[in-house]
Amino acid sequence: MKYIFVSGGVISGIGKGTTVASICLLLKSAGFRVTPIKFENYLNIDAGTINPIEHGDPFLCNDGTEADMDIGTYEKFLDEDMGSDNFVTMGKIYQTVIEKERRFEYMGEDVEAIPYITDEIISRIQNLAHKKNAQIVVIELGGTAGEYQNIFYYEASRILTLKYPGDVIHIHVSYVPIPPHLGEPKTKPTQLSVRTLNSMGIQPDFIVARSEKKLDKRRMDRFALFCNMHPEDIITNPNLSTAYEIPLVFSEQNFEQKILKKLRLNQKKADLNDWKKLIDKIKKRKSKTIKIAIVGKYFGTGDYQLRDSYAALFDAIDHAAIQLGVNVKTTWIDAETVEKTSAGIINEVDGIIVPIGWGSRGAEGMIKAASYARINKIPYLGLCYGMQLAAVAFARDVLGLKDANTTENDPKTKHPIIHLIPAQKKFMERRSYGGTMRLGSWQALLVKDSLAYKIYNRFNQFINKKAAIISERHRHRWEFNNKYSQLFEKNGFTICARSVLENLAEMLELSQDQHPFYLGTQGHPEYKSRPLKPHPIFVAFIEACKK
C-alpha cells in the first residue's frame, strides 16, 4: 500500500481538492488503482447542516453522504462515485473514539488523543484502501498547516511515514503571491509554512506552487534552496482558464512519474487523450453565447458574491455548455431582491434556473421567477426547491389557489401544495436535522412520452429501460402533496416521474405544446454531472435556451 498526503499552506481555498483530483487522475490514467479521501477539521459529523455560505455547497453522494465540495471534484475528475468512506470529519473521528470508549473497546485504558485519535485516522485510510482494493491512497488534509484543529491529521501522517518508510510521501500545496508593487513571486510565506511542517516532523517531498503565473527557473531554485528540496520537486501550478487543465500542466512536468519514482513504483506516463480533447472543446471559439439567470438565496456573503454556494450547479451548466459548444453567461439574481421588487429585474434571458434552498427567506422571489418563466415562455429548470416553488406558483396563478404555499414557509396555509410526509414529521418534532432527509440515490418511474422520458431515453440514462426507471440523488425533506395531483394533471402540469418506493412526485413538467421547456425535478441532477459525461437534463435545458 502506498500513501500520498496532501496538505495546504498560507491560505485556504488555493486548490488542494483539484490538486488531489488531478494527481488521482494522473495515477489512474497511468494504470494504477487509486482512491482519494478527504479529512475535514470541523466537528460537524458531515457537511449537511452547514450553511452553504459558510462552507460552500455540500456535495451529495449516491449513498446519501453530505460531503465537502472536494468530494464532487474527485467524482468529476475520476468519473467514479464517492461515498462516506471518502469523507471524514474531525467530529466523526471524535464520535467514533468516544463510542468505542463507552463500549469498553479500549479495555480500561485512559483514552488520549494520541494514539487513539491518530489510530482512528489511520484506520479510516487503511479501511478505505482495502474496500476499494487500491494500490495508492491520496489523503487530503483539510485547512492549512499550522492550524490547531488539524494537528492530529499531520501526526497521523508522521506516524505512517515512520511505520512504512518509502511508501508514504507528502505533497504541500502552497500559495506564492506576486505583489503588484514588486512584480515578482515571493516564496517567504511558503518557507514559513514548510517550517511549520518541519516542526511537526514532516519534510514535504513535493511543493505544488499555486500562483498567478508560472514560476521561472530562478524562483524554483531559490524555492528549493530555502525549503530543503530539489528544484525538480517544485511543481508550478499557475492560474489557468479552467481547472480541468491542471492534470495536463502537471503531466507536462512529469509529476506522475516523479511521484511513482518516490513511491518505488514503475514509472508510467498517464494517458490523457480524452482529457486533452475536453480541453480542446473548452478552448475552442464559441459562436453563440446564451444568458441564464439563476435566482437563488445563497449568493451574498458580506459585500461579496459567492459562487461556491451553488458549485455543483455551475459545474453542471459548464459541462453541458462544453458538449454543446456554446458560451453560457450566468446572471446571479438574489431571490430577496426579486421578492422586494418584481420578476421584471430578471429582464431578457434565455433561461431561468431556481436551485436548491431552505426556508421562507427569498421564497416569494423564487415563486415570482417561476411564474415569470412560465408566462413568458422562457426555458425553466427547477431543482428541488425550484420544483416545489414552481408548483406553488402554478397553484396560485393557474389553479386560483391564492394562498397556496409550502408548509415549510406557512404551516397554516389552506392549500399545502408542498408538505411533510409522516416520516419526516417525526424527525422535525425531535429537531433531528442531520442526515434525516430523503438522501442519496432514489429510483423513479418515468411517464413514457413525457419530456423527461425523451431526455433520459435520448441519452440512454435508464437503470431499467424497459420499465423506464431512472435514479437521481436527493437531499430534501418536504414533498409534493399527492392530494393535488389530479388537479395539477387536469390543468396541464404533469407529474412525469414518481418514486418507485413511495409513489412520491419526482418531476413535474408542462407539455411542449404549452411551453418550450418547463421542468422541475425533486432530485439533484447537478450532483451526477461530469465533464466527460454531462447530465442529460442540463444538456436538454441548454439546448432549449440555445433555441
Protein backbone atom coordinates (compact mmCIF):
# COMPACT_ATOMS: atom_id res chain seq x y z
CA MET A 1 0.00 0.00 0.00
CA LYS A 2 1.22 3.49 -0.90
CA TYR A 3 0.07 6.72 0.77
CA ILE A 4 0.17 10.29 -0.54
CA PHE A 5 -0.69 13.05 1.95
CA VAL A 6 -1.64 16.44 0.52
CA SER A 7 -1.59 19.45 2.81
CA GLY A 8 -2.16 23.16 2.27
CA GLY A 9 -0.18 26.24 3.20
CA VAL A 10 -0.54 30.01 3.59
CA ILE A 11 -4.26 30.37 2.70
CA SER A 12 -7.29 28.14 2.33
CA GLY A 13 -9.11 27.74 -0.95
CA ILE A 14 -5.96 27.50 -3.10
CA GLY A 15 -6.94 24.24 -4.76
CA LYS A 16 -5.93 21.25 -2.66
CA GLY A 17 -9.05 19.46 -3.84
CA THR A 18 -8.29 19.94 -7.54
CA THR A 19 -4.67 19.03 -6.87
CA VAL A 20 -5.72 15.76 -5.23
CA ALA A 21 -8.22 15.05 -8.02
CA SER A 22 -5.59 15.79 -10.67
CA ILE A 23 -2.99 13.54 -9.00
CA CYS A 24 -5.57 10.74 -8.76
CA LEU A 25 -6.48 11.18 -12.44
CA LEU A 26 -2.82 11.05 -13.47
CA LEU A 27 -2.11 7.91 -11.46
CA LYS A 28 -5.32 6.22 -12.62
CA SER A 29 -4.53 7.13 -16.25
CA ALA A 30 -1.08 5.59 -15.74
CA GLY A 31 -2.76 2.27 -14.85
CA PHE A 32 -2.83 2.30 -11.04
CA ARG A 33 -5.76 1.65 -8.71
CA VAL A 34 -6.12 4.86 -6.73
CA THR A 35 -8.69 6.29 -4.32
CA PRO A 36 -8.90 9.68 -2.54
CA ILE A 37 -10.07 10.56 0.96
CA LYS A 38 -10.76 14.00 2.48
CA PHE A 39 -10.26 14.79 6.18
CA GLU A 40 -12.10 17.91 7.36
CA ASN A 41 -11.32 19.94 10.50
CA TYR A 42 -14.81 20.78 11.73
CA LEU A 43 -16.69 18.93 14.46
CA ASN A 44 -19.85 18.52 12.38
CA ILE A 45 -20.49 14.85 11.63
CA ASP A 46 -20.99 15.77 7.97
CA ALA A 47 -21.49 18.89 5.86
CA GLY A 48 -25.29 18.62 5.74
CA THR A 49 -26.13 21.09 8.49
CA ILE A 50 -23.60 23.76 7.44
CA ASN A 51 -24.89 26.95 5.82
CA PRO A 52 -23.66 26.89 2.19
CA ILE A 53 -22.48 30.49 2.58
CA GLU A 54 -20.14 29.29 5.34
CA HIS A 55 -18.52 26.35 3.59
CA GLY A 56 -19.89 26.13 0.07
CA ASP A 57 -22.38 23.74 -1.46
CA PRO A 58 -22.40 20.37 0.38
CA PHE A 59 -21.78 17.68 -2.20
CA LEU A 60 -24.33 14.84 -2.19
CA CYS A 61 -23.15 11.28 -2.81
CA ASN A 62 -25.10 8.25 -4.04
CA ASP A 63 -25.08 6.70 -0.58
CA GLY A 64 -26.58 9.85 0.97
CA THR A 65 -23.35 11.26 2.37
CA GLU A 66 -23.44 15.05 2.58
CA ALA A 67 -19.81 15.89 1.97
CA ASP A 68 -17.39 18.68 1.18
CA MET A 69 -17.27 20.11 -2.36
CA ASP A 70 -13.90 18.44 -2.91
CA ILE A 71 -15.64 15.06 -2.97
CA GLY A 72 -17.55 16.31 -6.02
CA THR A 73 -14.25 17.34 -7.62
CA TYR A 74 -12.95 13.80 -7.09
CA GLU A 75 -16.04 12.37 -8.79
CA LYS A 76 -15.78 14.73 -11.75
CA PHE A 77 -12.09 14.08 -12.42
CA LEU A 78 -12.12 10.31 -11.78
CA ASP A 79 -15.62 9.54 -13.15
CA GLU A 80 -16.21 7.38 -10.07
CA ASP A 81 -18.80 7.54 -7.30
CA MET A 82 -17.55 8.59 -3.87
CA GLY A 83 -19.24 7.91 -0.54
CA SER A 84 -18.96 8.01 3.24
CA ASP A 85 -15.61 6.20 3.22
CA ASN A 86 -14.07 9.02 1.14
CA PHE A 87 -15.11 11.80 3.53
CA VAL A 88 -14.22 12.09 7.22
CA THR A 89 -14.68 14.99 9.65
CA MET A 90 -12.94 15.51 12.97
CA GLY A 91 -16.41 15.29 14.52
CA LYS A 92 -16.82 11.81 13.07
CA ILE A 93 -13.38 10.78 14.42
CA TYR A 94 -14.17 12.04 17.94
CA GLN A 95 -17.62 10.46 17.87
CA THR A 96 -16.20 7.06 16.91
CA VAL A 97 -13.50 7.12 19.58
CA ILE A 98 -15.97 8.18 22.29
CA GLU A 99 -18.46 5.48 21.24
CA LYS A 100 -15.70 2.85 21.39
CA GLU A 101 -14.72 4.04 24.86
CA ARG A 102 -18.34 3.77 26.01
CA ARG A 103 -18.43 0.18 24.72
CA PHE A 104 -15.24 -0.62 26.67
CA GLU A 105 -13.37 -1.43 23.46
CA TYR A 106 -10.19 0.15 24.86
CA MET A 107 -10.20 -2.31 27.77
CA GLY A 108 -9.94 0.26 30.55
CA GLU A 109 -7.14 2.36 29.04
CA ASP A 110 -7.18 6.10 29.59
CA VAL A 111 -8.26 7.30 26.16
CA GLU A 112 -5.97 10.07 24.94
CA ALA A 113 -5.71 11.94 21.65
CA ILE A 114 -2.52 10.11 20.78
CA PRO A 115 -2.60 7.26 19.94
CA TYR A 116 -6.39 6.80 19.83
CA ILE A 117 -7.38 9.74 17.62
CA THR A 118 -4.43 9.17 15.26
CA ASP A 119 -5.12 5.41 15.21
CA GLU A 120 -8.71 6.10 14.16
CA ILE A 121 -7.49 8.41 11.36
CA ILE A 122 -5.05 5.78 10.09
CA SER A 123 -7.74 3.09 10.37
CA ARG A 124 -10.09 5.12 8.15
CA ILE A 125 -7.38 5.44 5.50
CA GLN A 126 -6.49 1.76 5.51
CA ASN A 127 -10.10 0.55 5.60
CA LEU A 128 -10.86 2.66 2.51
CA ALA A 129 -7.82 1.23 0.72
CA HIS A 130 -8.91 -2.35 1.42
CA LYS A 131 -12.54 -1.72 0.44
CA LYS A 132 -11.50 -0.14 -2.85
CA ASN A 133 -8.64 -2.61 -3.43
CA ALA A 134 -6.46 0.43 -4.06
CA GLN A 135 -2.74 0.45 -4.66
CA ILE A 136 -2.44 4.15 -3.76
CA VAL A 137 -4.50 6.26 -1.35
CA VAL A 138 -4.36 10.05 -1.75
CA ILE A 139 -5.22 11.80 1.51
CA GLU A 140 -6.33 15.44 1.52
CA LEU A 141 -5.83 17.21 4.84
CA GLY A 142 -8.34 19.99 5.40
CA GLY A 143 -7.31 23.51 6.33
CA THR A 144 -3.75 24.81 6.31
CA ALA A 145 -0.56 23.82 8.10
CA GLY A 146 -0.31 25.48 11.49
CA GLU A 147 -3.98 25.35 12.47
CA TYR A 148 -4.64 23.74 15.84
CA GLN A 149 -7.74 21.91 14.53
CA ASN A 150 -5.88 19.60 12.15
CA ILE A 151 -2.70 18.75 14.03
CA PHE A 152 -3.79 15.14 14.59
CA TYR A 153 -4.04 14.59 10.84
CA TYR A 154 -0.41 15.69 10.46
CA GLU A 155 0.60 13.48 13.37
CA ALA A 156 -1.08 10.51 11.62
CA SER A 157 0.91 11.36 8.50
CA ARG A 158 4.16 11.39 10.51
CA ILE A 159 3.34 8.08 12.20
CA LEU A 160 2.55 6.38 8.88
CA THR A 161 5.78 7.72 7.36
CA LEU A 162 7.79 6.20 10.23
CA LYS A 163 5.87 2.94 10.05
CA TYR A 164 6.14 2.50 6.27
CA PRO A 165 9.35 4.22 5.11
CA GLY A 166 9.42 4.60 1.33
CA ASP A 167 5.68 4.02 1.00
CA VAL A 168 4.48 7.45 2.16
CA ILE A 169 5.07 10.84 0.54
CA HIS A 170 3.87 14.32 1.47
CA ILE A 171 2.82 16.96 -1.06
CA HIS A 172 2.40 20.53 0.17
CA VAL A 173 0.14 22.85 -1.87
CA SER A 174 1.08 26.43 -1.05
CA TYR A 175 0.32 29.92 -2.26
CA VAL A 176 3.05 32.04 -3.86
CA PRO A 177 1.86 35.65 -4.05
CA ILE A 178 3.06 38.15 -6.65
CA PRO A 179 2.61 41.58 -5.02
CA PRO A 180 1.78 44.12 -7.76
CA HIS A 181 4.22 46.71 -6.40
CA LEU A 182 7.09 44.18 -6.60
CA GLY A 183 6.18 42.21 -9.70
CA GLU A 184 7.92 39.00 -8.66
CA PRO A 185 6.81 35.83 -6.84
CA LYS A 186 7.56 35.81 -3.11
CA THR A 187 8.30 32.42 -1.54
CA LYS A 188 8.66 33.55 2.08
CA PRO A 189 5.07 32.57 3.10
CA THR A 190 5.68 29.06 1.78
CA GLN A 191 9.07 28.87 3.52
CA LEU A 192 7.33 29.58 6.81
CA SER A 193 4.60 27.03 6.02
CA VAL A 194 7.23 24.37 5.29
CA ARG A 195 8.98 25.29 8.54
CA THR A 196 5.68 24.60 10.31
CA LEU A 197 5.60 21.17 8.66
CA ASN A 198 9.20 20.56 9.71
CA SER A 199 8.30 21.41 13.30
CA MET A 200 5.76 18.55 13.17
CA GLY A 201 8.40 16.13 11.90
CA ILE A 202 7.33 16.30 8.24
CA GLN A 203 9.54 17.19 5.28
CA PRO A 204 7.47 17.56 2.08
CA ASP A 205 8.56 15.52 -0.92
CA PHE A 206 6.92 17.95 -3.34
CA ILE A 207 5.63 21.50 -3.25
CA VAL A 208 2.82 22.47 -5.62
CA ALA A 209 3.27 26.21 -6.01
CA ARG A 210 -0.04 27.97 -6.66
CA SER A 211 0.48 31.37 -8.19
CA GLU A 212 -0.91 33.78 -10.74
CA LYS A 213 1.87 32.98 -13.20
CA LYS A 214 4.18 30.07 -13.95
CA LEU A 215 7.32 30.14 -11.80
CA ASP A 216 10.63 30.60 -13.63
CA LYS A 217 13.85 28.63 -13.03
CA ARG A 218 15.40 31.25 -10.77
CA ARG A 219 12.38 31.23 -8.48
CA MET A 220 12.26 27.41 -8.47
CA ASP A 221 15.94 27.20 -7.50
CA ARG A 222 15.52 29.70 -4.66
CA PHE A 223 12.36 27.96 -3.56
CA ALA A 224 14.13 24.61 -3.36
CA LEU A 225 17.14 26.05 -1.51
CA PHE A 226 15.12 27.55 1.32
CA CYS A 227 12.69 24.63 1.60
CA ASN A 228 15.46 21.99 1.63
CA MET A 229 14.30 20.37 -1.61
CA HIS A 230 15.44 19.58 -5.14
CA PRO A 231 14.30 22.11 -7.79
CA GLU A 232 12.62 19.36 -9.85
CA ASP A 233 10.33 18.64 -6.88
CA ILE A 234 8.79 22.12 -7.05
CA ILE A 235 5.70 21.79 -9.27
CA THR A 236 4.37 25.04 -10.68
CA ASN A 237 0.59 25.43 -10.83
CA PRO A 238 -0.33 28.84 -12.28
CA ASN A 239 -3.81 30.26 -12.77
CA LEU A 240 -5.48 28.61 -15.76
CA SER A 241 -8.60 29.28 -17.80
CA THR A 242 -10.13 26.05 -16.46
CA ALA A 243 -9.31 23.77 -13.52
CA TYR A 244 -9.67 20.80 -15.87
CA GLU A 245 -6.35 21.83 -17.45
CA ILE A 246 -4.39 21.16 -14.24
CA PRO A 247 -3.71 17.44 -14.94
CA LEU A 248 -2.17 18.38 -18.30
CA VAL A 249 0.05 21.05 -16.68
CA PHE A 250 1.15 18.54 -14.04
CA SER A 251 1.85 15.84 -16.62
CA GLU A 252 3.96 18.27 -18.68
CA GLN A 253 6.22 18.46 -15.60
CA ASN A 254 6.26 14.60 -15.36
CA PHE A 255 4.59 14.90 -11.95
CA GLU A 256 3.03 11.42 -12.06
CA GLN A 257 6.38 9.82 -12.91
CA LYS A 258 8.16 11.73 -10.14
CA ILE A 259 5.53 10.55 -7.64
CA LEU A 260 5.81 6.94 -8.79
CA LYS A 261 9.60 7.08 -8.53
CA LYS A 262 9.46 8.25 -4.91
CA LEU A 263 6.93 5.53 -4.15
CA ARG A 264 9.19 2.91 -5.80
CA LEU A 265 6.61 2.00 -8.43
CA ASN A 266 7.01 1.53 -12.17
CA GLN A 267 7.18 4.96 -13.78
CA LYS A 268 4.40 5.18 -16.36
CA LYS A 269 3.14 8.14 -18.35
CA ALA A 270 -0.55 8.99 -17.95
CA ASP A 271 -2.80 8.53 -20.98
CA LEU A 272 -4.74 11.80 -21.08
CA ASN A 273 -6.15 11.71 -24.63
CA ASP A 274 -9.79 12.08 -23.53
CA TRP A 275 -8.82 14.90 -21.19
CA LYS A 276 -6.92 16.69 -23.97
CA LYS A 277 -10.00 16.51 -26.20
CA LEU A 278 -12.05 18.02 -23.37
CA ILE A 279 -9.63 20.96 -23.04
CA ASP A 280 -9.71 21.45 -26.82
CA LYS A 281 -13.50 21.70 -26.64
CA ILE A 282 -13.32 24.17 -23.77
CA LYS A 283 -10.83 26.41 -25.57
CA LYS A 284 -12.48 26.22 -28.98
CA ARG A 285 -14.01 29.51 -30.01
CA LYS A 286 -17.78 29.53 -29.46
CA SER A 287 -20.12 31.10 -31.99
CA LYS A 288 -23.02 31.59 -29.61
CA THR A 289 -23.49 32.91 -26.06
CA ILE A 290 -26.63 32.22 -24.05
CA LYS A 291 -27.67 34.02 -20.88
CA ILE A 292 -29.10 32.11 -17.92
CA ALA A 293 -30.49 33.73 -14.77
CA ILE A 294 -30.03 31.81 -11.53
CA VAL A 295 -32.46 33.08 -8.92
CA GLY A 296 -31.04 31.89 -5.60
CA LYS A 297 -30.68 32.89 -1.99
CA TYR A 298 -27.11 31.97 -1.04
CA PHE A 299 -25.05 34.30 -3.22
CA GLY A 300 -24.26 37.08 -0.76
CA THR A 301 -21.54 36.97 1.88
CA GLY A 302 -20.96 40.47 3.25
CA ASP A 303 -20.06 42.72 0.33
CA TYR A 304 -19.06 39.77 -1.87
CA GLN A 305 -20.77 37.30 -4.17
CA LEU A 306 -20.11 33.60 -3.52
CA ARG A 307 -20.01 31.06 -6.36
CA ASP A 308 -19.29 28.08 -4.09
CA SER A 309 -22.83 28.05 -2.65
CA TYR A 310 -24.02 26.52 -5.93
CA ALA A 311 -20.75 24.92 -7.07
CA ALA A 312 -22.26 21.68 -8.41
CA LEU A 313 -24.89 23.61 -10.38
CA PHE A 314 -22.34 25.87 -12.07
CA ASP A 315 -20.22 22.83 -12.94
CA ALA A 316 -23.21 21.01 -14.46
CA ILE A 317 -24.04 24.06 -16.61
CA ASP A 318 -20.41 24.23 -17.75
CA HIS A 319 -20.32 20.52 -18.64
CA ALA A 320 -23.41 20.80 -20.84
CA ALA A 321 -22.18 24.02 -22.45
CA ILE A 322 -18.84 22.40 -23.33
CA GLN A 323 -20.57 19.47 -25.02
CA LEU A 324 -22.90 21.77 -26.97
CA GLY A 325 -20.13 24.19 -27.95
CA VAL A 326 -21.75 27.34 -26.55
CA ASN A 327 -20.73 30.02 -24.09
CA VAL A 328 -23.02 30.38 -21.09
CA LYS A 329 -23.17 33.63 -19.19
CA THR A 330 -24.83 33.16 -15.81
CA THR A 331 -26.52 36.09 -14.11
CA TRP A 332 -26.83 35.71 -10.35
CA ILE A 333 -30.03 37.27 -9.05
CA ASP A 334 -30.79 37.40 -5.34
CA ALA A 335 -34.27 36.00 -4.70
CA GLU A 336 -34.91 38.58 -1.97
CA THR A 337 -34.36 41.37 -4.48
CA VAL A 338 -36.94 39.80 -6.80
CA GLU A 339 -39.30 39.45 -3.84
CA LYS A 340 -38.98 43.13 -2.91
CA THR A 341 -39.27 44.42 -6.48
CA SER A 342 -40.59 42.25 -9.30
CA ALA A 343 -39.55 39.44 -11.61
CA GLY A 344 -39.02 42.11 -14.25
CA ILE A 345 -35.46 42.62 -12.96
CA ILE A 346 -34.63 39.23 -14.47
CA ASN A 347 -35.03 41.01 -17.79
CA GLU A 348 -34.23 39.29 -21.10
CA VAL A 349 -32.57 35.93 -20.58
CA ASP A 350 -32.52 32.66 -22.49
CA GLY A 351 -33.25 30.51 -19.46
CA ILE A 352 -34.06 30.60 -15.74
CA ILE A 353 -32.94 28.21 -13.01
CA VAL A 354 -34.29 28.19 -9.46
CA PRO A 355 -31.97 25.95 -7.41
CA ILE A 356 -31.93 24.30 -4.00
CA GLY A 357 -32.95 26.33 -0.97
CA TRP A 358 -34.42 26.19 2.51
CA GLY A 359 -36.88 28.34 4.44
CA SER A 360 -39.02 31.35 3.68
CA ARG A 361 -36.32 33.98 3.04
CA GLY A 362 -36.46 34.83 -0.67
CA ALA A 363 -39.05 32.13 -1.41
CA GLU A 364 -41.61 34.59 -2.78
CA GLY A 365 -38.95 35.91 -5.17
CA MET A 366 -38.33 32.38 -6.41
CA ILE A 367 -42.06 31.88 -6.90
CA LYS A 368 -42.18 35.10 -8.95
CA ALA A 369 -39.27 33.81 -11.07
CA ALA A 370 -41.07 30.51 -11.73
CA SER A 371 -44.21 32.41 -12.80
CA TYR A 372 -42.18 34.80 -14.97
CA ALA A 373 -40.57 31.88 -16.83
CA ARG A 374 -43.91 30.13 -17.36
CA ILE A 375 -45.81 33.20 -18.56
CA ASN A 376 -43.04 34.45 -20.83
CA LYS A 377 -42.24 31.01 -22.28
CA ILE A 378 -38.63 31.16 -21.05
CA PRO A 379 -36.97 27.73 -20.54
CA TYR A 380 -37.17 26.91 -16.85
CA LEU A 381 -35.37 24.35 -14.71
CA GLY A 382 -36.43 23.97 -11.08
CA LEU A 383 -34.09 21.98 -8.87
CA CYS A 384 -35.57 20.58 -5.63
CA TYR A 385 -36.87 23.80 -4.02
CA GLY A 386 -37.17 25.19 -7.54
CA MET A 387 -39.59 22.37 -8.42
CA GLN A 388 -41.60 22.86 -5.24
CA LEU A 389 -41.97 26.61 -5.69
CA ALA A 390 -42.84 26.21 -9.37
CA ALA A 391 -45.72 24.01 -8.16
CA VAL A 392 -46.78 26.72 -5.68
CA ALA A 393 -46.61 29.33 -8.46
CA PHE A 394 -48.79 27.17 -10.73
CA ALA A 395 -51.33 26.60 -7.96
CA ARG A 396 -51.66 30.33 -7.34
CA ASP A 397 -51.60 31.55 -10.96
CA VAL A 398 -53.44 28.80 -12.85
CA LEU A 399 -55.50 26.93 -10.27
CA GLY A 400 -56.59 30.09 -8.47
CA LEU A 401 -55.43 28.86 -5.05
CA LYS A 402 -54.15 32.26 -3.96
CA ASP A 403 -52.85 31.24 -0.54
CA ALA A 404 -51.14 28.06 -1.81
CA ASN A 405 -47.76 27.53 -0.19
CA THR A 406 -45.37 25.07 1.38
CA THR A 407 -45.92 24.11 5.00
CA GLU A 408 -42.22 24.84 5.49
CA ASN A 409 -42.93 28.54 4.87
CA ASP A 410 -46.55 28.77 6.03
CA PRO A 411 -47.61 25.95 8.37
CA LYS A 412 -51.21 27.28 8.39
CA THR A 413 -51.72 27.52 4.62
CA LYS A 414 -55.14 26.28 3.43
CA HIS A 415 -53.54 24.74 0.38
CA PRO A 416 -50.35 22.87 1.37
CA ILE A 417 -49.06 22.09 -2.11
CA ILE A 418 -45.75 21.04 -0.56
CA HIS A 419 -45.85 19.33 2.84
CA LEU A 420 -44.08 16.98 5.23
CA ILE A 421 -44.80 13.27 4.89
CA PRO A 422 -45.34 11.42 8.23
CA ALA A 423 -41.79 10.01 8.44
CA GLN A 424 -40.31 13.49 8.18
CA LYS A 425 -42.76 14.94 10.71
CA LYS A 426 -41.27 12.65 13.37
CA PHE A 427 -37.76 13.90 12.66
CA MET A 428 -38.85 17.53 12.82
CA GLU A 429 -40.67 17.02 16.12
CA ARG A 430 -37.39 15.72 17.59
CA ARG A 431 -35.36 18.53 15.96
CA SER A 432 -33.42 15.76 14.24
CA TYR A 433 -31.94 17.63 11.29
CA GLY A 434 -28.64 15.96 10.44
CA GLY A 435 -28.80 13.09 7.96
CA THR A 436 -32.58 12.61 8.29
CA MET A 437 -33.82 13.88 4.93
CA ARG A 438 -34.58 11.81 1.85
CA LEU A 439 -30.91 11.47 0.99
CA GLY A 440 -28.86 9.78 -1.70
CA SER A 441 -29.90 7.76 -4.70
CA TRP A 442 -33.63 7.12 -5.22
CA GLN A 443 -35.29 5.37 -8.14
CA ALA A 444 -38.17 6.87 -10.09
CA LEU A 445 -40.54 5.65 -12.77
CA LEU A 446 -40.90 7.97 -15.76
CA VAL A 447 -44.12 8.53 -17.70
CA LYS A 448 -43.48 7.43 -21.27
CA ASP A 449 -43.66 10.10 -23.99
CA SER A 450 -43.10 12.85 -21.41
CA LEU A 451 -40.35 15.43 -21.92
CA ALA A 452 -38.38 13.86 -19.07
CA TYR A 453 -38.69 10.40 -20.64
CA LYS A 454 -37.47 11.71 -24.00
CA ILE A 455 -34.43 13.31 -22.34
CA TYR A 456 -33.37 10.18 -20.45
CA ASN A 457 -34.17 7.92 -23.39
CA ARG A 458 -32.09 10.01 -25.80
CA PHE A 459 -29.00 9.67 -23.61
CA ASN A 460 -29.78 6.09 -22.52
CA GLN A 461 -29.76 7.03 -18.83
CA PHE A 462 -32.18 4.38 -17.57
CA ILE A 463 -31.16 1.83 -14.97
CA ASN A 464 -34.06 -0.24 -16.31
CA LYS A 465 -35.07 0.92 -19.78
CA LYS A 466 -37.97 -1.49 -20.19
CA ALA A 467 -39.62 -0.22 -17.00
CA ALA A 468 -38.45 3.39 -17.64
CA ILE A 469 -36.72 3.57 -14.24
CA ILE A 470 -34.07 6.20 -13.52
CA SER A 471 -32.03 7.07 -10.45
CA GLU A 472 -31.17 10.54 -9.10
CA ARG A 473 -29.66 11.84 -5.90
CA HIS A 474 -31.95 13.53 -3.36
CA ARG A 475 -31.48 15.97 -0.50
CA HIS A 476 -34.78 17.27 0.80
CA ARG A 477 -37.47 16.83 3.42
CA TRP A 478 -40.69 18.39 2.05
CA GLU A 479 -42.64 16.67 -0.74
CA PHE A 480 -45.33 17.46 -3.30
CA ASN A 481 -48.77 16.82 -1.77
CA ASN A 482 -50.41 13.98 -3.72
CA LYS A 483 -53.88 15.32 -2.82
CA TYR A 484 -53.36 17.94 -5.54
CA SER A 485 -52.10 15.53 -8.21
CA GLN A 486 -55.33 15.23 -10.21
CA LEU A 487 -55.96 18.97 -10.15
CA PHE A 488 -52.43 19.65 -11.45
CA GLU A 489 -52.67 16.96 -14.12
CA LYS A 490 -56.09 18.18 -15.27
CA ASN A 491 -54.70 21.69 -15.80
CA GLY A 492 -51.56 20.67 -17.68
CA PHE A 493 -48.78 20.48 -15.06
CA THR A 494 -47.94 16.79 -15.39
CA ILE A 495 -46.28 14.63 -12.77
CA CYS A 496 -43.94 12.88 -15.20
CA ALA A 497 -41.96 10.83 -12.65
CA ARG A 498 -42.82 9.15 -9.36
CA SER A 499 -40.60 7.40 -6.83
CA VAL A 500 -40.68 3.62 -7.09
CA LEU A 501 -40.88 3.06 -3.33
CA GLU A 502 -43.42 5.61 -2.03
CA ASN A 503 -45.11 6.96 -5.17
CA LEU A 504 -43.88 10.48 -4.41
CA ALA A 505 -43.82 13.12 -7.15
CA GLU A 506 -40.27 13.32 -8.52
CA MET A 507 -40.68 15.53 -11.61
CA LEU A 508 -43.28 17.97 -12.90
CA GLU A 509 -43.43 19.40 -16.41
CA LEU A 510 -45.52 21.44 -18.79
CA SER A 511 -46.09 19.80 -22.17
CA GLN A 512 -44.01 21.22 -25.03
CA ASP A 513 -47.09 22.44 -26.86
CA GLN A 514 -47.64 24.76 -23.85
CA HIS A 515 -44.03 25.71 -23.15
CA PRO A 516 -40.64 25.14 -24.86
CA PHE A 517 -39.07 23.72 -21.68
CA TYR A 518 -40.57 23.85 -18.19
CA LEU A 519 -39.31 21.08 -15.92
CA GLY A 520 -38.95 20.71 -12.17
CA THR A 521 -37.13 17.83 -10.54
CA GLN A 522 -37.11 16.88 -6.87
CA GLY A 523 -33.77 15.16 -7.40
CA HIS A 524 -30.43 16.82 -8.00
CA PRO A 525 -29.04 16.01 -11.46
CA GLU A 526 -26.27 18.58 -10.89
CA TYR A 527 -24.51 16.21 -8.47
CA LYS A 528 -24.18 13.48 -11.11
CA SER A 529 -22.85 15.66 -13.93
CA ARG A 530 -19.25 15.15 -15.03
CA PRO A 531 -17.08 16.96 -17.58
CA LEU A 532 -16.87 13.97 -19.92
CA LYS A 533 -20.48 12.94 -19.17
CA PRO A 534 -22.74 15.99 -18.74
CA HIS A 535 -26.14 15.28 -17.25
CA PRO A 536 -28.89 14.91 -19.90
CA ILE A 537 -31.25 17.34 -18.15
CA PHE A 538 -28.72 20.15 -18.35
CA VAL A 539 -27.88 19.35 -21.96
CA ALA A 540 -31.59 19.44 -22.88
CA PHE A 541 -32.16 22.63 -20.88
CA ILE A 542 -29.27 24.48 -22.53
CA GLU A 543 -30.39 23.23 -25.95
CA ALA A 544 -33.78 24.80 -25.23
CA CYS A 545 -32.08 28.03 -24.13
CA LYS A 546 -29.95 28.00 -27.28
CA LYS A 547 -33.12 27.90 -29.41
